[in-house]
C-alpha cells in the first residue's frame, strides 16, 4: 500500500486510491508506426495511460497472414506516457497489411489492447 499512500491526497486513504486504481482500466491513446519500415532498429511508439500507473507494454508484429514475426517488451520513454519498442527482426517485403498490436498492463493486472494495420 506504500505506493498508494504516496499518491493519497489529504483526507484520502491509500485503500481508496488502490480501489480507484482497481476500478479504472488502462487505455491506449495511439500506436505510432510512422518510424517503422520493417527494419531492425525501427521504432514503434505506444501512447499508454492509466489513472495510476502503466506497468508494462508489449508489442506484437504480425505479417499479413497473421503469423507472428516478433513480440517484445516496450521501454518507458522519458515523455511519461510514451513507451518505445524497437524492432529486432526484419519484416521483409510483407509490410503492407501487417499488423502491430500493443497490450498495456496496469498495477492491478488489467489490460488494454489495440491493433493497427500497416
C-alpha atoms as a PDB file:
ATOM      1  CA  UNK A   1       0.000   0.000   0.000  1.00  0.00           C
ATOM      2  CA  UNK A   2       3.038   2.288   0.241  1.00  0.00           C
ATOM      3  CA  UNK A   3       2.845   3.388  -3.389  1.00  0.00           C
ATOM      4  CA  UNK A   4      -0.847   4.160  -2.981  1.00  0.00           C
ATOM      5  CA  UNK A   5      -0.237   6.043   0.261  1.00  0.00           C
ATOM      6  CA  UNK A   6       2.322   8.222  -1.527  1.00  0.00           C
ATOM      7  CA  UNK A   7      -0.387   9.222  -4.047  1.00  0.00           C
ATOM      8  CA  UNK A   8      -3.158   9.723  -1.492  1.00  0.00           C
ATOM      9  CA  UNK A   9      -4.136  13.360  -1.092  1.00  0.00           C
ATOM     10  CA  UNK A  10      -5.019  14.750   2.329  1.00  0.00           C
ATOM     11  CA  UNK A  11      -8.227  13.176   3.603  1.00  0.00           C
ATOM     12  CA  UNK A  12      -7.942  10.204   1.255  1.00  0.00           C
ATOM     13  CA  UNK A  13      -6.678   6.785   2.320  1.00  0.00           C
ATOM     14  CA  UNK A  14      -4.252   4.515   0.489  1.00  0.00           C
ATOM     15  CA  UNK A  15      -7.098   1.987   0.363  1.00  0.00           C
ATOM     16  CA  UNK A  16      -9.385   4.368  -1.544  1.00  0.00           C
ATOM     17  CA  UNK A  17      -6.581   5.146  -4.028  1.00  0.00           C
ATOM     18  CA  UNK A  18      -5.992   1.401  -4.506  1.00  0.00           C
ATOM     19  CA  UNK A  19      -9.706   0.743  -5.051  1.00  0.00           C
ATOM     20  CA  UNK A  20      -9.887   3.593  -7.600  1.00  0.00           C
ATOM     21  CA  UNK A  21      -6.894   2.094  -9.409  1.00  0.00           C
ATOM     22  CA  UNK A  22      -8.557  -1.317  -9.447  1.00  0.00           C
ATOM     23  CA  UNK A  23     -11.819   0.108 -10.801  1.00  0.00           C
ATOM     24  CA  UNK A  24     -10.217   2.031 -13.693  1.00  0.00           C
ATOM     25  CA  UNK A  25      -8.730   0.242 -16.677  1.00  0.00           C
ATOM     26  CA  UNK A  26      -5.647   1.349 -18.598  1.00  0.00           C
ATOM     27  CA  UNK A  27      -6.076   2.608 -22.162  1.00  0.00           C
ATOM     28  CA  UNK A  28      -4.071   3.191 -25.311  1.00  0.00           C
ATOM     29  CA  UNK A  29      -4.252   6.636 -26.882  1.00  0.00           C
ATOM     30  CA  UNK A  30      -2.466   5.553 -30.072  1.00  0.00           C
ATOM     31  CA  UNK A  31       0.226   3.432 -31.678  1.00  0.00           C
ATOM     32  CA  UNK A  32       2.735   5.440 -33.722  1.00  0.00           C
ATOM     33  CA  UNK A  33       4.232   3.351 -36.528  1.00  0.00           C
ATOM     34  CA  UNK A  34       5.442   6.320 -38.581  1.00  0.00           C
ATOM     35  CA  UNK A  35       9.083   5.393 -37.914  1.00  0.00           C
ATOM     36  CA  UNK A  36       8.583   1.702 -38.622  1.00  0.00           C
ATOM     37  CA  UNK A  37       9.560   0.491 -42.098  1.00  0.00           C
ATOM     38  CA  UNK A  38      10.065  -3.191 -41.282  1.00  0.00           C
ATOM     39  CA  UNK A  39      13.766  -2.934 -40.450  1.00  0.00           C
ATOM     40  CA  UNK A  40      15.694  -3.834 -37.295  1.00  0.00           C
ATOM     41  CA  UNK A  41      16.100  -0.714 -35.168  1.00  0.00           C
ATOM     42  CA  UNK A  42      12.838   0.862 -36.367  1.00  0.00           C
ATOM     43  CA  UNK A  43      10.719   2.249 -33.516  1.00  0.00           C
ATOM     44  CA  UNK A  44       7.105   1.657 -32.584  1.00  0.00           C
ATOM     45  CA  UNK A  45       5.738   4.099 -30.004  1.00  0.00           C
ATOM     46  CA  UNK A  46       2.750   3.308 -27.837  1.00  0.00           C
ATOM     47  CA  UNK A  47       0.958   6.127 -26.025  1.00  0.00           C
ATOM     48  CA  UNK A  48      -0.408   4.306 -22.977  1.00  0.00           C
ATOM     49  CA  UNK A  49      -2.290   5.725 -19.990  1.00  0.00           C
ATOM     50  CA  UNK A  50      -3.749   4.648 -16.677  1.00  0.00           C
ATOM     51  CA  UNK A  51      -5.341   6.506 -13.787  1.00  0.00           C
ATOM     52  CA  UNK A  52      -2.489   5.358 -11.560  1.00  0.00           C
ATOM     53  CA  UNK A  53       0.387   3.609 -13.358  1.00  0.00           C
ATOM     54  CA  UNK A  54       1.105   1.615 -16.508  1.00  0.00           C
ATOM     55  CA  UNK A  55       3.428  -1.221 -15.509  1.00  0.00           C
ATOM     56  CA  UNK A  56       4.133  -2.973 -18.795  1.00  0.00           C
ATOM     57  CA  UNK A  57       3.594  -2.610 -22.537  1.00  0.00           C
ATOM     58  CA  UNK A  58       4.172  -5.311 -25.148  1.00  0.00           C
ATOM     59  CA  UNK A  59       4.083  -5.112 -28.938  1.00  0.00           C
ATOM     60  CA  UNK A  60       3.445  -7.956 -31.397  1.00  0.00           C
ATOM     61  CA  UNK A  61       4.189  -7.622 -35.111  1.00  0.00           C
ATOM     62  CA  UNK A  62       2.342  -9.981 -37.470  1.00  0.00           C
ATOM     63  CA  UNK A  63       2.651 -10.425 -41.220  1.00  0.00           C
ATOM     64  CA  UNK A  64      -0.441 -10.119 -43.455  1.00  0.00           C
ATOM     65  CA  UNK A  65      -1.249 -13.826 -42.983  1.00  0.00           C
ATOM     66  CA  UNK A  66      -1.342 -13.349 -39.182  1.00  0.00           C
ATOM     67  CA  UNK A  67       1.930 -15.119 -38.421  1.00  0.00           C
ATOM     68  CA  UNK A  68       3.854 -13.566 -35.524  1.00  0.00           C
ATOM     69  CA  UNK A  69       7.115 -12.027 -36.734  1.00  0.00           C
ATOM     70  CA  UNK A  70       8.169 -10.506 -33.435  1.00  0.00           C
ATOM     71  CA  UNK A  71       6.879  -9.999 -29.907  1.00  0.00           C
ATOM     72  CA  UNK A  72       8.674  -7.715 -27.481  1.00  0.00           C
ATOM     73  CA  UNK A  73       8.597  -5.599 -24.366  1.00  0.00           C
ATOM     74  CA  UNK A  74       8.497  -1.829 -24.638  1.00  0.00           C
ATOM     75  CA  UNK A  75      10.550   0.503 -22.501  1.00  0.00           C
ATOM     76  CA  UNK A  76       9.150   3.683 -20.963  1.00  0.00           C
ATOM     77  CA  UNK A  77      10.338   6.784 -22.790  1.00  0.00           C
ATOM     78  CA  UNK A  78      11.211   9.997 -20.947  1.00  0.00           C
ATOM     79  CA  UNK A  79       7.968  11.658 -22.129  1.00  0.00           C
ATOM     80  CA  UNK A  80       5.935   9.814 -19.485  1.00  0.00           C
ATOM     81  CA  UNK A  81       3.009   8.210 -21.317  1.00  0.00           C
ATOM     82  CA  UNK A  82       5.114   7.025 -24.269  1.00  0.00           C
ATOM     83  CA  UNK A  83       6.527   3.506 -24.413  1.00  0.00           C
ATOM     84  CA  UNK A  84       9.102   2.576 -27.058  1.00  0.00           C
ATOM     85  CA  UNK A  85       9.637  -0.785 -28.722  1.00  0.00           C
ATOM     86  CA  UNK A  86      12.479  -1.229 -31.205  1.00  0.00           C
ATOM     87  CA  UNK A  87      12.204  -3.896 -33.899  1.00  0.00           C
ATOM     88  CA  UNK A  88      14.933  -6.546 -33.975  1.00  0.00           C
ATOM     89  CA  UNK A  89      13.752  -8.769 -36.851  1.00  0.00           C
ATOM     90  CA  UNK A  90      13.406  -7.660 -40.485  1.00  0.00           C
ATOM     91  CA  UNK A  91       9.839  -7.765 -41.735  1.00  0.00           C
ATOM     92  CA  UNK A  92      10.776  -8.211 -45.385  1.00  0.00           C
ATOM     93  CA  UNK A  93       8.542  -7.150 -48.237  1.00  0.00           C
ATOM     94  CA  UNK A  94       5.308  -8.091 -46.449  1.00  0.00           C
ATOM     95  CA  UNK A  95       4.846  -4.755 -44.667  1.00  0.00           C
ATOM     96  CA  UNK A  96       1.536  -3.686 -46.266  1.00  0.00           C
ATOM     97  CA  UNK A  97      -1.317  -5.418 -44.449  1.00  0.00           C
ATOM     98  CA  UNK A  98       0.858  -6.379 -41.479  1.00  0.00           C
ATOM     99  CA  UNK A  99      -0.417  -5.555 -38.002  1.00  0.00           C
ATOM    100  CA  UNK A 100       1.029  -4.092 -34.840  1.00  0.00           C
ATOM    101  CA  UNK A 101      -0.748  -4.983 -31.599  1.00  0.00           C
ATOM    102  CA  UNK A 102       0.048  -3.256 -28.314  1.00  0.00           C
ATOM    103  CA  UNK A 103      -1.059  -4.597 -24.936  1.00  0.00           C
ATOM    104  CA  UNK A 104      -0.895  -2.313 -21.891  1.00  0.00           C
ATOM    105  CA  UNK A 105      -0.975  -3.548 -18.285  1.00  0.00           C
ATOM    106  CA  UNK A 106      -1.622  -1.633 -15.064  1.00  0.00           C
ATOM    107  CA  UNK A 107      -0.719  -2.362 -11.443  1.00  0.00           C
ATOM    108  CA  UNK A 108      -3.863  -4.402 -10.606  1.00  0.00           C
ATOM    109  CA  UNK A 109      -3.230  -6.535 -13.723  1.00  0.00           C
ATOM    110  CA  UNK A 110      -5.865  -5.107 -16.054  1.00  0.00           C
ATOM    111  CA  UNK A 111      -5.002  -4.833 -19.715  1.00  0.00           C
ATOM    112  CA  UNK A 112      -5.986  -2.900 -22.782  1.00  0.00           C
ATOM    113  CA  UNK A 113      -5.238  -3.877 -26.358  1.00  0.00           C
ATOM    114  CA  UNK A 114      -5.118  -2.017 -29.662  1.00  0.00           C
ATOM    115  CA  UNK A 115      -4.194  -3.202 -33.158  1.00  0.00           C
ATOM    116  CA  UNK A 116      -3.263  -1.071 -36.160  1.00  0.00           C
ATOM    117  CA  UNK A 117      -2.768  -2.253 -39.731  1.00  0.00           C
ATOM    118  CA  UNK A 118       0.241  -1.044 -41.688  1.00  0.00           C
END
